[in-house]
N, C-alpha and C. Protein backbone atom coordinates (compact mmCIF):
# COMPACT_ATOMS: atom_id res chain seq x y z
N UNK A 1 50.85 155.18 49.33
CA UNK A 1 50.72 155.88 47.97
C UNK A 1 49.37 156.59 48.14
N UNK A 2 49.29 157.80 47.91
CA UNK A 2 48.09 158.63 47.84
C UNK A 2 47.42 158.49 46.49
N UNK A 3 46.25 158.06 46.53
CA UNK A 3 45.56 157.76 45.32
C UNK A 3 43.95 157.89 45.44
N UNK A 4 43.55 158.45 44.23
CA UNK A 4 41.95 158.41 44.07
C UNK A 4 41.67 157.68 42.95
N UNK A 5 40.69 156.62 42.99
CA UNK A 5 40.19 155.92 41.89
C UNK A 5 38.68 156.09 41.66
N UNK A 6 38.41 156.51 40.51
CA UNK A 6 36.99 156.60 40.08
C UNK A 6 36.39 155.24 39.48
N UNK A 7 35.21 155.03 39.63
CA UNK A 7 34.63 153.81 39.02
C UNK A 7 33.11 154.11 38.82
N UNK A 8 32.43 153.30 37.99
CA UNK A 8 31.00 153.45 37.82
C UNK A 8 30.57 154.10 36.56
N UNK A 9 31.50 154.54 35.77
CA UNK A 9 31.14 155.00 34.43
C UNK A 9 30.57 153.90 33.48
N UNK A 10 30.30 154.46 32.26
CA UNK A 10 29.69 153.45 31.32
C UNK A 10 28.87 154.12 30.21
N UNK A 11 28.26 153.20 29.58
CA UNK A 11 27.26 153.74 28.58
C UNK A 11 25.81 153.61 28.94
N UNK A 12 25.18 154.67 28.83
CA UNK A 12 23.82 154.77 29.30
C UNK A 12 22.95 155.52 28.33
N UNK A 13 21.61 155.11 28.20
CA UNK A 13 20.76 155.89 27.37
C UNK A 13 20.35 157.21 27.83
N UNK A 14 19.88 158.14 27.24
CA UNK A 14 19.38 159.45 27.67
C UNK A 14 18.23 159.01 28.63
N UNK A 15 18.23 159.84 29.73
CA UNK A 15 17.14 159.68 30.82
C UNK A 15 17.68 158.67 31.76
N UNK A 16 18.75 157.89 31.55
CA UNK A 16 19.22 156.93 32.50
C UNK A 16 19.90 157.52 33.62
N UNK A 17 20.39 156.55 34.46
CA UNK A 17 21.33 156.89 35.65
C UNK A 17 22.55 156.15 35.75
N UNK A 18 23.48 156.77 36.40
CA UNK A 18 24.76 156.13 36.84
C UNK A 18 25.03 156.62 38.11
N UNK A 19 25.82 155.73 38.89
CA UNK A 19 26.45 156.39 40.16
C UNK A 19 28.03 156.16 40.12
N UNK A 20 28.55 157.20 40.16
CA UNK A 20 30.17 157.29 40.02
C UNK A 20 30.59 157.17 41.57
N UNK A 21 31.72 156.37 41.75
CA UNK A 21 32.41 156.30 43.06
C UNK A 21 33.73 156.86 42.92
N UNK A 22 34.19 157.34 43.99
CA UNK A 22 35.60 157.85 44.24
C UNK A 22 36.14 157.21 45.40
N UNK A 23 37.19 156.47 45.25
CA UNK A 23 37.74 155.73 46.36
C UNK A 23 39.11 156.30 46.65
N UNK A 24 39.28 156.55 47.96
CA UNK A 24 40.63 157.08 48.40
C UNK A 24 41.44 156.25 49.18
N UNK A 25 42.64 156.05 48.89
CA UNK A 25 43.65 155.27 49.55
C UNK A 25 44.92 155.95 49.85
N UNK A 26 45.46 155.61 51.04
CA UNK A 26 46.87 156.22 51.47
C UNK A 26 46.71 157.45 52.17
N UNK A 27 45.52 157.96 52.41
CA UNK A 27 45.23 159.15 53.18
C UNK A 27 43.84 159.22 53.62
N UNK A 28 43.60 160.06 54.61
CA UNK A 28 42.17 160.24 55.28
C UNK A 28 41.41 161.22 54.48
N UNK A 29 40.18 161.03 54.17
CA UNK A 29 39.30 161.93 53.43
C UNK A 29 38.86 162.87 54.36
N UNK A 30 39.09 162.81 55.74
CA UNK A 30 38.37 163.79 56.61
C UNK A 30 39.00 165.10 56.49
N UNK A 31 40.18 165.30 55.97
CA UNK A 31 40.77 166.57 55.76
C UNK A 31 40.68 167.25 54.40
N UNK A 32 39.82 166.69 53.55
CA UNK A 32 39.70 167.10 52.19
C UNK A 32 38.33 167.32 51.78
N UNK A 33 38.07 168.47 51.14
CA UNK A 33 36.87 168.61 50.42
C UNK A 33 37.18 167.82 49.06
N UNK A 34 36.04 167.42 48.44
CA UNK A 34 36.09 166.59 47.16
C UNK A 34 35.36 167.21 46.03
N UNK A 35 35.89 167.28 44.94
CA UNK A 35 35.12 167.74 43.69
C UNK A 35 35.16 166.67 42.67
N UNK A 36 34.08 166.84 41.86
CA UNK A 36 33.81 166.16 40.65
C UNK A 36 34.00 167.09 39.61
N UNK A 37 34.86 166.68 38.65
CA UNK A 37 34.99 167.42 37.30
C UNK A 37 34.69 166.61 36.22
N UNK A 38 34.59 167.18 35.01
CA UNK A 38 34.49 166.39 33.75
C UNK A 38 35.02 167.11 32.61
N UNK A 39 35.48 166.36 31.62
CA UNK A 39 36.07 166.97 30.43
C UNK A 39 35.60 166.14 29.33
N UNK A 40 34.93 166.85 28.40
CA UNK A 40 34.39 166.48 27.08
C UNK A 40 35.43 166.63 26.07
N UNK A 41 35.41 165.78 25.00
CA UNK A 41 36.39 166.11 23.94
C UNK A 41 36.34 167.48 23.38
N UNK A 42 37.63 168.06 23.30
CA UNK A 42 37.70 169.28 22.69
C UNK A 42 37.33 170.51 23.64
N UNK A 43 37.02 170.16 24.99
CA UNK A 43 36.57 171.19 25.89
C UNK A 43 37.38 171.21 27.07
N UNK A 44 37.30 172.31 27.83
CA UNK A 44 38.06 172.54 29.09
C UNK A 44 37.48 171.61 30.14
N UNK A 45 38.21 171.27 31.13
CA UNK A 45 37.80 170.39 32.24
C UNK A 45 36.94 171.50 33.17
N UNK A 46 35.82 170.97 33.50
CA UNK A 46 34.94 171.82 34.22
C UNK A 46 34.33 171.22 35.61
N UNK A 47 34.05 172.13 36.58
CA UNK A 47 33.62 171.52 37.85
C UNK A 47 32.20 171.10 37.71
N UNK A 48 31.89 170.04 38.34
CA UNK A 48 30.43 169.60 38.20
C UNK A 48 29.77 169.60 39.48
N UNK A 49 30.51 169.27 40.56
CA UNK A 49 30.04 169.41 41.92
C UNK A 49 31.05 169.19 42.92
N UNK A 50 30.88 169.75 44.15
CA UNK A 50 31.80 169.45 45.20
C UNK A 50 31.16 169.29 46.50
N UNK A 51 31.84 168.74 47.51
CA UNK A 51 31.26 168.67 48.82
C UNK A 51 32.35 168.88 49.82
N UNK A 52 31.84 169.60 50.88
CA UNK A 52 32.73 169.98 51.86
C UNK A 52 33.39 168.80 52.74
N UNK A 53 34.36 169.11 53.55
CA UNK A 53 34.98 168.02 54.43
C UNK A 53 33.80 167.40 55.38
N UNK A 54 32.85 168.32 55.81
CA UNK A 54 31.93 167.82 56.77
C UNK A 54 30.75 167.21 55.95
N UNK A 55 30.66 167.40 54.71
CA UNK A 55 29.59 166.90 54.04
C UNK A 55 28.26 167.67 53.99
N UNK A 56 28.43 168.73 54.89
CA UNK A 56 27.31 169.66 55.01
C UNK A 56 27.02 170.69 53.92
N UNK A 57 27.97 170.98 53.11
CA UNK A 57 27.93 171.96 52.11
C UNK A 57 28.17 171.23 50.77
N UNK A 58 27.31 171.43 49.81
CA UNK A 58 27.50 170.87 48.44
C UNK A 58 27.13 172.01 47.51
N UNK A 59 27.80 171.83 46.36
CA UNK A 59 27.52 172.78 45.20
C UNK A 59 27.51 172.06 43.89
N UNK A 60 26.69 172.60 42.98
CA UNK A 60 26.63 172.13 41.72
C UNK A 60 26.59 173.03 40.60
N UNK A 61 27.13 172.60 39.61
CA UNK A 61 27.02 173.39 38.18
C UNK A 61 25.58 173.48 37.82
N UNK A 62 25.24 174.67 37.26
CA UNK A 62 23.88 174.93 36.93
C UNK A 62 23.41 173.67 35.96
N UNK A 63 24.35 173.27 35.04
CA UNK A 63 23.91 172.39 34.15
C UNK A 63 23.51 170.95 34.63
N UNK A 64 23.85 170.70 35.99
CA UNK A 64 23.47 169.42 36.61
C UNK A 64 22.60 169.63 37.79
N UNK A 65 22.36 170.80 38.19
CA UNK A 65 21.61 171.01 39.32
C UNK A 65 20.25 170.36 39.18
N UNK A 66 19.89 169.58 40.15
CA UNK A 66 18.54 168.85 40.28
C UNK A 66 18.65 167.56 39.63
N UNK A 67 19.67 167.31 39.07
CA UNK A 67 19.84 165.91 38.44
C UNK A 67 20.97 165.09 39.09
N UNK A 68 22.09 165.67 39.62
CA UNK A 68 23.21 165.10 40.21
C UNK A 68 23.08 165.29 41.66
N UNK A 69 23.64 164.23 42.41
CA UNK A 69 23.71 164.39 43.85
C UNK A 69 25.12 163.80 44.24
N UNK A 70 25.85 164.75 45.12
CA UNK A 70 27.12 164.28 45.62
C UNK A 70 27.01 163.84 47.03
N UNK A 71 27.69 162.97 47.44
CA UNK A 71 27.59 162.47 48.92
C UNK A 71 28.90 161.91 49.28
N UNK A 72 29.14 161.68 50.49
CA UNK A 72 30.43 161.11 51.05
C UNK A 72 30.23 160.18 52.17
N UNK A 73 31.13 159.27 52.31
CA UNK A 73 31.24 158.43 53.35
C UNK A 73 32.82 158.41 53.85
N UNK A 74 33.02 159.20 54.83
CA UNK A 74 34.45 159.33 55.31
C UNK A 74 35.02 158.10 55.72
N UNK A 75 34.29 157.36 56.60
CA UNK A 75 34.72 156.10 57.19
C UNK A 75 35.05 155.07 56.11
N UNK A 76 34.32 155.03 54.98
CA UNK A 76 34.65 154.23 53.95
C UNK A 76 35.71 154.78 53.01
N UNK A 77 35.95 156.09 53.15
CA UNK A 77 36.88 156.69 52.16
C UNK A 77 36.26 156.74 50.81
N UNK A 78 34.96 156.98 50.73
CA UNK A 78 34.16 156.92 49.38
C UNK A 78 33.47 158.19 49.29
N UNK A 79 33.44 158.70 47.95
CA UNK A 79 32.63 159.87 47.66
C UNK A 79 31.89 159.33 46.39
N UNK A 80 30.62 159.78 46.36
CA UNK A 80 29.71 159.24 45.28
C UNK A 80 29.27 160.45 44.46
N UNK A 81 28.86 160.31 43.23
CA UNK A 81 28.11 161.21 42.34
C UNK A 81 26.94 160.45 41.68
N UNK A 82 25.77 160.73 42.15
CA UNK A 82 24.62 160.14 41.71
C UNK A 82 24.18 160.93 40.55
N UNK A 83 23.97 160.25 39.38
CA UNK A 83 23.63 161.08 38.18
C UNK A 83 22.33 160.55 37.59
N UNK A 84 21.39 161.23 37.62
CA UNK A 84 19.98 160.94 37.06
C UNK A 84 19.67 161.73 35.87
N UNK A 85 18.73 161.39 35.09
CA UNK A 85 18.14 162.02 34.00
C UNK A 85 19.32 162.47 33.14
N UNK A 86 20.20 161.60 32.72
CA UNK A 86 21.40 161.94 32.03
C UNK A 86 21.02 162.35 30.65
N UNK A 87 21.81 163.17 30.09
CA UNK A 87 21.66 163.76 28.78
C UNK A 87 22.90 163.52 28.05
N UNK A 88 22.78 163.57 26.60
CA UNK A 88 23.91 163.34 25.73
C UNK A 88 25.07 164.40 26.08
N UNK A 89 24.73 165.50 26.50
CA UNK A 89 25.88 166.62 26.81
C UNK A 89 26.46 166.43 28.09
N UNK A 90 26.01 165.26 28.86
CA UNK A 90 26.85 164.92 29.91
C UNK A 90 27.96 163.90 29.68
N UNK A 91 28.07 163.56 28.47
CA UNK A 91 29.16 162.55 28.12
C UNK A 91 30.59 163.34 28.20
N UNK A 92 31.35 162.62 28.93
CA UNK A 92 32.67 163.18 29.31
C UNK A 92 33.46 162.24 30.11
N UNK A 93 34.62 162.53 30.28
CA UNK A 93 35.46 161.78 31.30
C UNK A 93 35.28 162.53 32.62
N UNK A 94 34.93 161.71 33.62
CA UNK A 94 34.61 162.29 34.95
C UNK A 94 35.74 162.04 35.94
N UNK A 95 36.32 163.11 36.63
CA UNK A 95 37.45 162.94 37.55
C UNK A 95 36.88 163.49 38.93
N UNK A 96 37.37 162.76 40.04
CA UNK A 96 37.26 163.27 41.32
C UNK A 96 38.67 163.79 41.70
N UNK A 97 38.58 164.78 42.59
CA UNK A 97 39.76 165.43 43.09
C UNK A 97 39.66 165.75 44.67
N UNK A 98 40.84 165.75 45.27
CA UNK A 98 40.82 166.16 46.75
C UNK A 98 41.45 167.38 46.92
N UNK A 99 40.85 168.30 47.85
CA UNK A 99 41.34 169.52 48.12
C UNK A 99 41.41 169.73 49.59
N UNK A 100 42.77 169.80 50.08
CA UNK A 100 42.88 169.99 51.55
C UNK A 100 42.58 171.43 52.05
N UNK A 101 41.57 171.44 52.76
CA UNK A 101 41.03 172.70 53.22
C UNK A 101 40.99 172.76 54.73
N UNK A 102 41.31 173.83 55.39
CA UNK A 102 41.18 174.01 56.86
C UNK A 102 39.80 174.16 57.30
N UNK A 103 38.90 174.70 56.35
CA UNK A 103 37.55 175.02 56.64
C UNK A 103 36.72 173.86 56.39
N UNK A 104 35.84 173.50 57.25
CA UNK A 104 35.23 172.20 57.03
C UNK A 104 33.94 172.39 56.23
N UNK A 105 33.53 173.60 56.04
CA UNK A 105 32.18 173.91 55.50
C UNK A 105 32.25 174.47 54.05
N UNK A 106 33.37 174.22 53.38
CA UNK A 106 33.43 174.91 51.93
C UNK A 106 34.09 173.98 51.05
N UNK A 107 33.82 174.16 49.89
CA UNK A 107 34.68 173.48 48.80
C UNK A 107 34.61 174.38 47.52
N UNK A 108 35.45 173.97 46.66
CA UNK A 108 35.59 174.90 45.49
C UNK A 108 35.26 174.14 44.30
N UNK A 109 34.75 174.81 43.16
CA UNK A 109 34.38 174.25 41.99
C UNK A 109 35.27 174.51 40.88
N UNK A 110 36.46 175.07 41.23
CA UNK A 110 37.54 175.44 40.29
C UNK A 110 38.73 174.62 40.60
N UNK A 111 39.59 174.26 39.53
CA UNK A 111 40.57 173.47 39.49
C UNK A 111 41.77 173.77 40.40
N UNK A 112 42.29 175.08 40.40
CA UNK A 112 43.38 175.33 41.23
C UNK A 112 43.11 175.05 42.62
N UNK A 113 44.23 174.44 43.21
CA UNK A 113 44.11 174.16 44.75
C UNK A 113 43.82 172.74 45.02
N UNK A 114 43.31 172.02 43.98
CA UNK A 114 42.98 170.55 44.26
C UNK A 114 44.35 169.72 44.20
N UNK A 115 44.65 168.97 45.22
CA UNK A 115 45.91 168.41 45.53
C UNK A 115 46.09 167.05 44.71
N UNK A 116 45.00 166.28 44.77
CA UNK A 116 45.00 164.89 44.20
C UNK A 116 44.01 164.71 43.18
N UNK A 117 44.28 163.98 42.17
CA UNK A 117 43.29 163.67 41.06
C UNK A 117 43.27 162.19 40.76
N UNK A 118 42.04 161.76 40.43
CA UNK A 118 41.92 160.37 39.84
C UNK A 118 42.33 160.33 38.39
N UNK A 119 42.25 159.03 37.88
CA UNK A 119 42.61 158.93 36.49
C UNK A 119 41.38 159.08 35.56
N UNK A 120 40.21 159.14 36.11
CA UNK A 120 39.00 159.47 35.40
C UNK A 120 38.16 158.18 35.03
N UNK A 121 36.89 158.43 34.77
CA UNK A 121 36.09 157.26 34.27
C UNK A 121 35.20 157.80 33.13
N UNK A 122 35.08 157.11 32.15
CA UNK A 122 34.21 157.54 30.99
C UNK A 122 32.68 157.49 31.20
N UNK A 123 32.00 158.46 30.88
CA UNK A 123 30.50 158.36 30.91
C UNK A 123 30.06 158.76 29.42
N UNK A 124 29.40 157.86 28.89
CA UNK A 124 28.74 158.05 27.52
C UNK A 124 27.21 157.95 27.55
N UNK A 125 26.48 158.99 27.20
CA UNK A 125 25.14 158.98 27.10
C UNK A 125 24.80 159.08 25.80
N UNK A 126 24.14 157.92 25.26
CA UNK A 126 23.83 157.92 23.95
C UNK A 126 22.71 156.83 23.71
N UNK A 127 21.87 157.03 22.65
CA UNK A 127 20.92 155.95 22.38
C UNK A 127 21.47 155.12 21.28
């Protein structure tokens, strides 16, 4: 069964850090770019970051640039999102998604085209 499972969410104070993990099972990550998305209550799901199949290309939303870092370990079938200097506006459910792409050096920050989605992990930034 093809599956993505996020973990690492929780409650953190403003200025704190969390590291989210996305674990793949049932398929090889080698053929997929990976994106992280988030959805806050009452808002559309938005792209946060993505990483190409090779890991050599990464992209970030302007709102998280300089604070979040995406990385991947294909051998372990894991993708990470390191989140530093968290703000209350980062509060949302965070989802990882896999996008099968033939090009190894690109990824997309928009939802269409992503083949598999995780169930999400809640991140709450509050004092």
